[in-house]
Amino acid sequence: MSRAVLTRVAPQVHSRLDEFFRDEDIREVMVNAGSQVWIERNGELTQVGTIHPDDTRAFIERTLLPLGRRIDITSPVVDARLSDGSRLCAVIPPIAVDGPCVAIRRFAAKQMQLEDFAPPEIAALLQQLIYDRRNILVSGAASAGKTTLLKCIM
């Protein structure tokens, strides 16, 4: 897509997806299968509508532009950190067979403490393991709190 077309079209596309970020309870906005728009609010995924695949592609390109990043046939997968700290993952054809996909995950404004995750004795055990320089494997489903937990124990 040319820069001129992107500059003209993308502001409308941006506003359509950006509206979800005004709600502080929404942690993630996703476009799957090229057109299905999903949000995660308070830990629950909800499909909230559809968007044209061309609009999804324009949104991805417009979002990457200020980061100096690109997505195209030679680089069809991009992971990036946005200026507000949110994480973006975007995939386009030919990797994304059904059309461009994007997920943007915001992080909570409130800094959580280790005690928010576990009882004091488990928190103390984790802190001791870190102090002893032991290896710890953290795994879980999407949006389970892996990154937040790691920030707490570091």
C-alpha atoms as a PDB file:
ATOM      1  CA  MET A   1       0.000   0.000   0.000  1.00  0.00           C
ATOM      2  CA  SER A   2       1.423   3.401  -0.932  1.00  0.00           C
ATOM      3  CA  ARG A   3       2.301   5.904   1.784  1.00  0.00           C
ATOM      4  CA  ALA A   4      -0.207   8.410   0.314  1.00  0.00           C
ATOM      5  CA  VAL A   5      -3.084   5.920   0.476  1.00  0.00           C
ATOM      6  CA  LEU A   6      -2.021   4.812   3.945  1.00  0.00           C
ATOM      7  CA  THR A   7      -1.935   8.407   5.198  1.00  0.00           C
ATOM      8  CA  ARG A   8      -5.418   9.086   3.785  1.00  0.00           C
ATOM      9  CA  VAL A   9      -7.188   5.852   4.812  1.00  0.00           C
ATOM     10  CA  ALA A  10      -5.513   4.805   8.048  1.00  0.00           C
ATOM     11  CA  PRO A  11      -6.882   7.516  10.402  1.00  0.00           C
ATOM     12  CA  GLN A  12     -10.439   6.179   9.969  1.00  0.00           C
ATOM     13  CA  VAL A  13      -9.241   2.613  10.455  1.00  0.00           C
ATOM     14  CA  HIS A  14      -7.246   3.594  13.522  1.00  0.00           C
ATOM     15  CA  SER A  15     -10.248   5.222  15.160  1.00  0.00           C
ATOM     16  CA  ARG A  16     -12.399   2.124  14.623  1.00  0.00           C
ATOM     17  CA  LEU A  17      -9.987  -0.122  16.540  1.00  0.00           C
ATOM     18  CA  ASP A  18      -8.634   2.556  18.890  1.00  0.00           C
ATOM     19  CA  GLU A  19     -12.088   3.043  20.429  1.00  0.00           C
ATOM     20  CA  PHE A  20     -11.566  -0.193  22.345  1.00  0.00           C
ATOM     21  CA  PHE A  21      -8.505   1.246  24.088  1.00  0.00           C
ATOM     22  CA  ARG A  22     -10.596   3.979  25.717  1.00  0.00           C
ATOM     23  CA  ASP A  23     -12.075   1.305  27.983  1.00  0.00           C
ATOM     24  CA  GLU A  24      -9.453   0.615  30.660  1.00  0.00           C
ATOM     25  CA  ASP A  25     -10.951  -2.823  31.342  1.00  0.00           C
ATOM     26  CA  ILE A  26      -9.980  -3.999  27.841  1.00  0.00           C
ATOM     27  CA  ARG A  27      -6.564  -5.648  27.932  1.00  0.00           C
ATOM     28  CA  GLU A  28      -6.344  -6.980  24.384  1.00  0.00           C
ATOM     29  CA  VAL A  29      -7.737  -6.212  20.933  1.00  0.00           C
ATOM     30  CA  MET A  30      -7.381  -8.889  18.262  1.00  0.00           C
ATOM     31  CA  VAL A  31      -8.315  -9.263  14.614  1.00  0.00           C
ATOM     32  CA  ASN A  32      -8.388 -12.961  13.708  1.00  0.00           C
ATOM     33  CA  ALA A  33      -9.129 -14.774  10.446  1.00  0.00           C
ATOM     34  CA  GLY A  34      -8.553 -11.512   8.620  1.00  0.00           C
ATOM     35  CA  SER A  35     -11.742  -9.820   9.799  1.00  0.00           C
ATOM     36  CA  GLN A  36     -13.091 -10.985  13.188  1.00  0.00           C
ATOM     37  CA  VAL A  37     -12.552  -8.361  15.906  1.00  0.00           C
ATOM     38  CA  TRP A  38     -12.234  -9.742  19.437  1.00  0.00           C
ATOM     39  CA  ILE A  39     -11.558  -8.014  22.741  1.00  0.00           C
ATOM     40  CA  GLU A  40     -10.503  -9.306  26.123  1.00  0.00           C
ATOM     41  CA  ARG A  41     -12.273  -7.458  28.905  1.00  0.00           C
ATOM     42  CA  ASN A  42     -11.989  -8.542  32.531  1.00  0.00           C
ATOM     43  CA  GLY A  43     -10.521 -11.880  31.462  1.00  0.00           C
ATOM     44  CA  GLU A  44     -13.295 -12.753  28.991  1.00  0.00           C
ATOM     45  CA  LEU A  45     -12.956 -12.895  25.197  1.00  0.00           C
ATOM     46  CA  THR A  46     -15.833 -11.437  23.177  1.00  0.00           C
ATOM     47  CA  GLN A  47     -16.263 -11.053  19.427  1.00  0.00           C
ATOM     48  CA  VAL A  48     -17.380  -7.466  18.873  1.00  0.00           C
ATOM     49  CA  GLY A  49     -17.700  -7.285  15.102  1.00  0.00           C
ATOM     50  CA  THR A  50     -15.805  -7.525  11.872  1.00  0.00           C
ATOM     51  CA  ILE A  51     -13.438  -5.352   9.891  1.00  0.00           C
ATOM     52  CA  HIS A  52     -12.408  -5.542   6.248  1.00  0.00           C
ATOM     53  CA  PRO A  53      -9.013  -7.259   5.762  1.00  0.00           C
ATOM     54  CA  ASP A  54      -7.716  -4.192   3.871  1.00  0.00           C
ATOM     55  CA  ASP A  55      -8.562  -2.044   6.905  1.00  0.00           C
ATOM     56  CA  THR A  56      -6.751  -4.505   9.164  1.00  0.00           C
ATOM     57  CA  ARG A  57      -3.681  -4.343   6.946  1.00  0.00           C
ATOM     58  CA  ALA A  58      -3.796  -0.528   6.874  1.00  0.00           C
ATOM     59  CA  PHE A  59      -4.134  -0.446  10.672  1.00  0.00           C
ATOM     60  CA  ILE A  60      -1.091  -2.707  11.072  1.00  0.00           C
ATOM     61  CA  GLU A  61       1.024  -0.646   8.672  1.00  0.00           C
ATOM     62  CA  ARG A  62      -0.070   2.647  10.220  1.00  0.00           C
ATOM     63  CA  THR A  63       0.711   1.382  13.726  1.00  0.00           C
ATOM     64  CA  LEU A  64       4.176   0.163  12.702  1.00  0.00           C
ATOM     65  CA  LEU A  65       5.069   3.332  10.767  1.00  0.00           C
ATOM     66  CA  PRO A  66       6.183   5.491  13.752  1.00  0.00           C
ATOM     67  CA  LEU A  67       8.168   2.548  15.112  1.00  0.00           C
ATOM     68  CA  GLY A  68      10.252   2.329  11.946  1.00  0.00           C
ATOM     69  CA  ARG A  69       9.012  -1.221  11.453  1.00  0.00           C
ATOM     70  CA  ARG A  70       7.411  -2.763   8.384  1.00  0.00           C
ATOM     71  CA  ILE A  71       5.347  -5.760   7.417  1.00  0.00           C
ATOM     72  CA  ASP A  72       5.354  -7.113   3.873  1.00  0.00           C
ATOM     73  CA  ILE A  73       5.815 -10.280   1.810  1.00  0.00           C
ATOM     74  CA  THR A  74       9.494 -10.494   2.802  1.00  0.00           C
ATOM     75  CA  SER A  75       8.715  -9.928   6.487  1.00  0.00           C
ATOM     76  CA  PRO A  76       5.157 -11.236   7.089  1.00  0.00           C
ATOM     77  CA  VAL A  77       5.416 -11.553  10.896  1.00  0.00           C
ATOM     78  CA  VAL A  78       6.136  -8.643  13.246  1.00  0.00           C
ATOM     79  CA  ASP A  79       6.390  -8.445  17.024  1.00  0.00           C
ATOM     80  CA  ALA A  80       6.769  -4.922  18.362  1.00  0.00           C
ATOM     81  CA  ARG A  81       6.473  -2.836  21.501  1.00  0.00           C
ATOM     82  CA  LEU A  82       4.343   0.295  21.089  1.00  0.00           C
ATOM     83  CA  SER A  83       5.232   3.645  22.654  1.00  0.00           C
ATOM     84  CA  ASP A  84       2.782   3.058  25.539  1.00  0.00           C
ATOM     85  CA  GLY A  85       4.384  -0.320  26.324  1.00  0.00           C
ATOM     86  CA  SER A  86       1.680  -2.414  24.670  1.00  0.00           C
ATOM     87  CA  ARG A  87       2.778  -5.463  22.691  1.00  0.00           C
ATOM     88  CA  LEU A  88       1.772  -5.930  19.073  1.00  0.00           C
ATOM     89  CA  CYS A  89       1.959  -9.135  17.077  1.00  0.00           C
ATOM     90  CA  ALA A  90       0.888  -9.009  13.431  1.00  0.00           C
ATOM     91  CA  VAL A  91       0.892 -11.631  10.686  1.00  0.00           C
ATOM     92  CA  ILE A  92      -0.084 -11.216   7.034  1.00  0.00           C
ATOM     93  CA  PRO A  93      -0.449 -13.566   4.051  1.00  0.00           C
ATOM     94  CA  PRO A  94       1.035 -15.859   2.969  1.00  0.00           C
ATOM     95  CA  ILE A  95       1.644 -16.877   6.604  1.00  0.00           C
ATOM     96  CA  ALA A  96      -1.855 -15.797   7.709  1.00  0.00           C
ATOM     97  CA  VAL A  97      -3.899 -17.775   5.188  1.00  0.00           C
ATOM     98  CA  ASP A  98      -7.281 -16.146   5.976  1.00  0.00           C
ATOM     99  CA  GLY A  99      -6.010 -12.563   5.890  1.00  0.00           C
ATOM    100  CA  PRO A 100      -4.022 -10.222   8.119  1.00  0.00           C
ATOM    101  CA  CYS A 101      -4.194 -10.817  11.871  1.00  0.00           C
ATOM    102  CA  VAL A 102      -3.129  -8.539  14.687  1.00  0.00           C
ATOM    103  CA  ALA A 103      -3.166  -8.662  18.472  1.00  0.00           C
ATOM    104  CA  ILE A 104      -2.361  -5.715  20.705  1.00  0.00           C
ATOM    105  CA  ARG A 105      -2.051  -6.404  24.412  1.00  0.00           C
ATOM    106  CA  ARG A 106      -2.075  -3.568  26.910  1.00  0.00           C
ATOM    107  CA  PHE A 107      -0.655  -3.867  30.367  1.00  0.00           C
ATOM    108  CA  ALA A 108      -2.446  -2.886  33.545  1.00  0.00           C
ATOM    109  CA  ALA A 109      -1.629   0.557  34.895  1.00  0.00           C
ATOM    110  CA  LYS A 110      -1.493  -0.804  38.464  1.00  0.00           C
ATOM    111  CA  GLN A 111       1.818  -2.415  39.352  1.00  0.00           C
ATOM    112  CA  MET A 112       1.044  -5.777  40.929  1.00  0.00           C
ATOM    113  CA  GLN A 113       3.022  -7.247  43.798  1.00  0.00           C
ATOM    114  CA  LEU A 114       4.145 -10.854  44.166  1.00  0.00           C
ATOM    115  CA  GLU A 115       1.696 -11.234  47.063  1.00  0.00           C
ATOM    116  CA  ASP A 116      -1.149 -10.548  44.575  1.00  0.00           C
ATOM    117  CA  PHE A 117      -0.336 -13.877  42.892  1.00  0.00           C
ATOM    118  CA  ALA A 118       0.204 -16.252  45.783  1.00  0.00           C
ATOM    119  CA  PRO A 119       0.002 -16.701  49.560  1.00  0.00           C
ATOM    120  CA  PRO A 120       2.933 -15.226  51.532  1.00  0.00           C
ATOM    121  CA  GLU A 121       4.696 -18.585  51.963  1.00  0.00           C
ATOM    122  CA  ILE A 122       4.697 -19.231  48.178  1.00  0.00           C
ATOM    123  CA  ALA A 123       5.864 -15.659  47.518  1.00  0.00           C
ATOM    124  CA  ALA A 124       8.695 -16.183  50.014  1.00  0.00           C
ATOM    125  CA  LEU A 125       9.638 -19.472  48.325  1.00  0.00           C
ATOM    126  CA  LEU A 126       9.796 -17.784  44.905  1.00  0.00           C
ATOM    127  CA  GLN A 127      11.917 -14.972  46.325  1.00  0.00           C
ATOM    128  CA  GLN A 128      14.282 -17.510  47.901  1.00  0.00           C
ATOM    129  CA  LEU A 129      14.573 -19.415  44.605  1.00  0.00           C
ATOM    130  CA  ILE A 130      15.508 -16.169  42.853  1.00  0.00           C
ATOM    131  CA  TYR A 131      18.017 -15.324  45.600  1.00  0.00           C
ATOM    132  CA  ASP A 132      19.536 -18.803  45.247  1.00  0.00           C
ATOM    133  CA  ARG A 133      19.774 -18.242  41.463  1.00  0.00           C
ATOM    134  CA  ARG A 134      17.618 -21.288  40.735  1.00  0.00           C
ATOM    135  CA  ASN A 135      15.945 -21.860  37.378  1.00  0.00           C
ATOM    136  CA  ILE A 136      12.193 -21.242  37.262  1.00  0.00           C
ATOM    137  CA  LEU A 137       9.892 -22.135  34.384  1.00  0.00           C
ATOM    138  CA  VAL A 138       6.844 -19.900  33.987  1.00  0.00           C
ATOM    139  CA  SER A 139       4.182 -21.103  31.577  1.00  0.00           C
ATOM    140  CA  GLY A 140       0.476 -20.607  31.040  1.00  0.00           C
ATOM    141  CA  ALA A 141      -2.278 -19.670  28.662  1.00  0.00           C
ATOM    142  CA  ALA A 142      -2.480 -16.331  26.885  1.00  0.00           C
ATOM    143  CA  SER A 143      -3.328 -13.509  29.309  1.00  0.00           C
ATOM    144  CA  ALA A 144      -2.679 -15.725  32.333  1.00  0.00           C
ATOM    145  CA  GLY A 145      -0.234 -13.213  33.845  1.00  0.00           C
ATOM    146  CA  LYS A 146       3.145 -14.741  32.955  1.00  0.00           C
ATOM    147  CA  THR A 147       4.845 -11.441  32.129  1.00  0.00           C
ATOM    148  CA  THR A 148       3.298  -9.709  35.136  1.00  0.00           C
ATOM    149  CA  LEU A 149       4.481 -12.502  37.447  1.00  0.00           C
ATOM    150  CA  LEU A 150       8.001 -12.299  36.035  1.00  0.00           C
ATOM    151  CA  LYS A 151       8.061  -8.540  36.623  1.00  0.00           C
ATOM    152  CA  CYS A 152       7.031  -9.146  40.228  1.00  0.00           C
ATOM    153  CA  ILE A 153       9.748 -11.679  41.002  1.00  0.00           C
ATOM    154  CA  MET A 154      12.563  -9.775  39.324  1.00  0.00           C
END
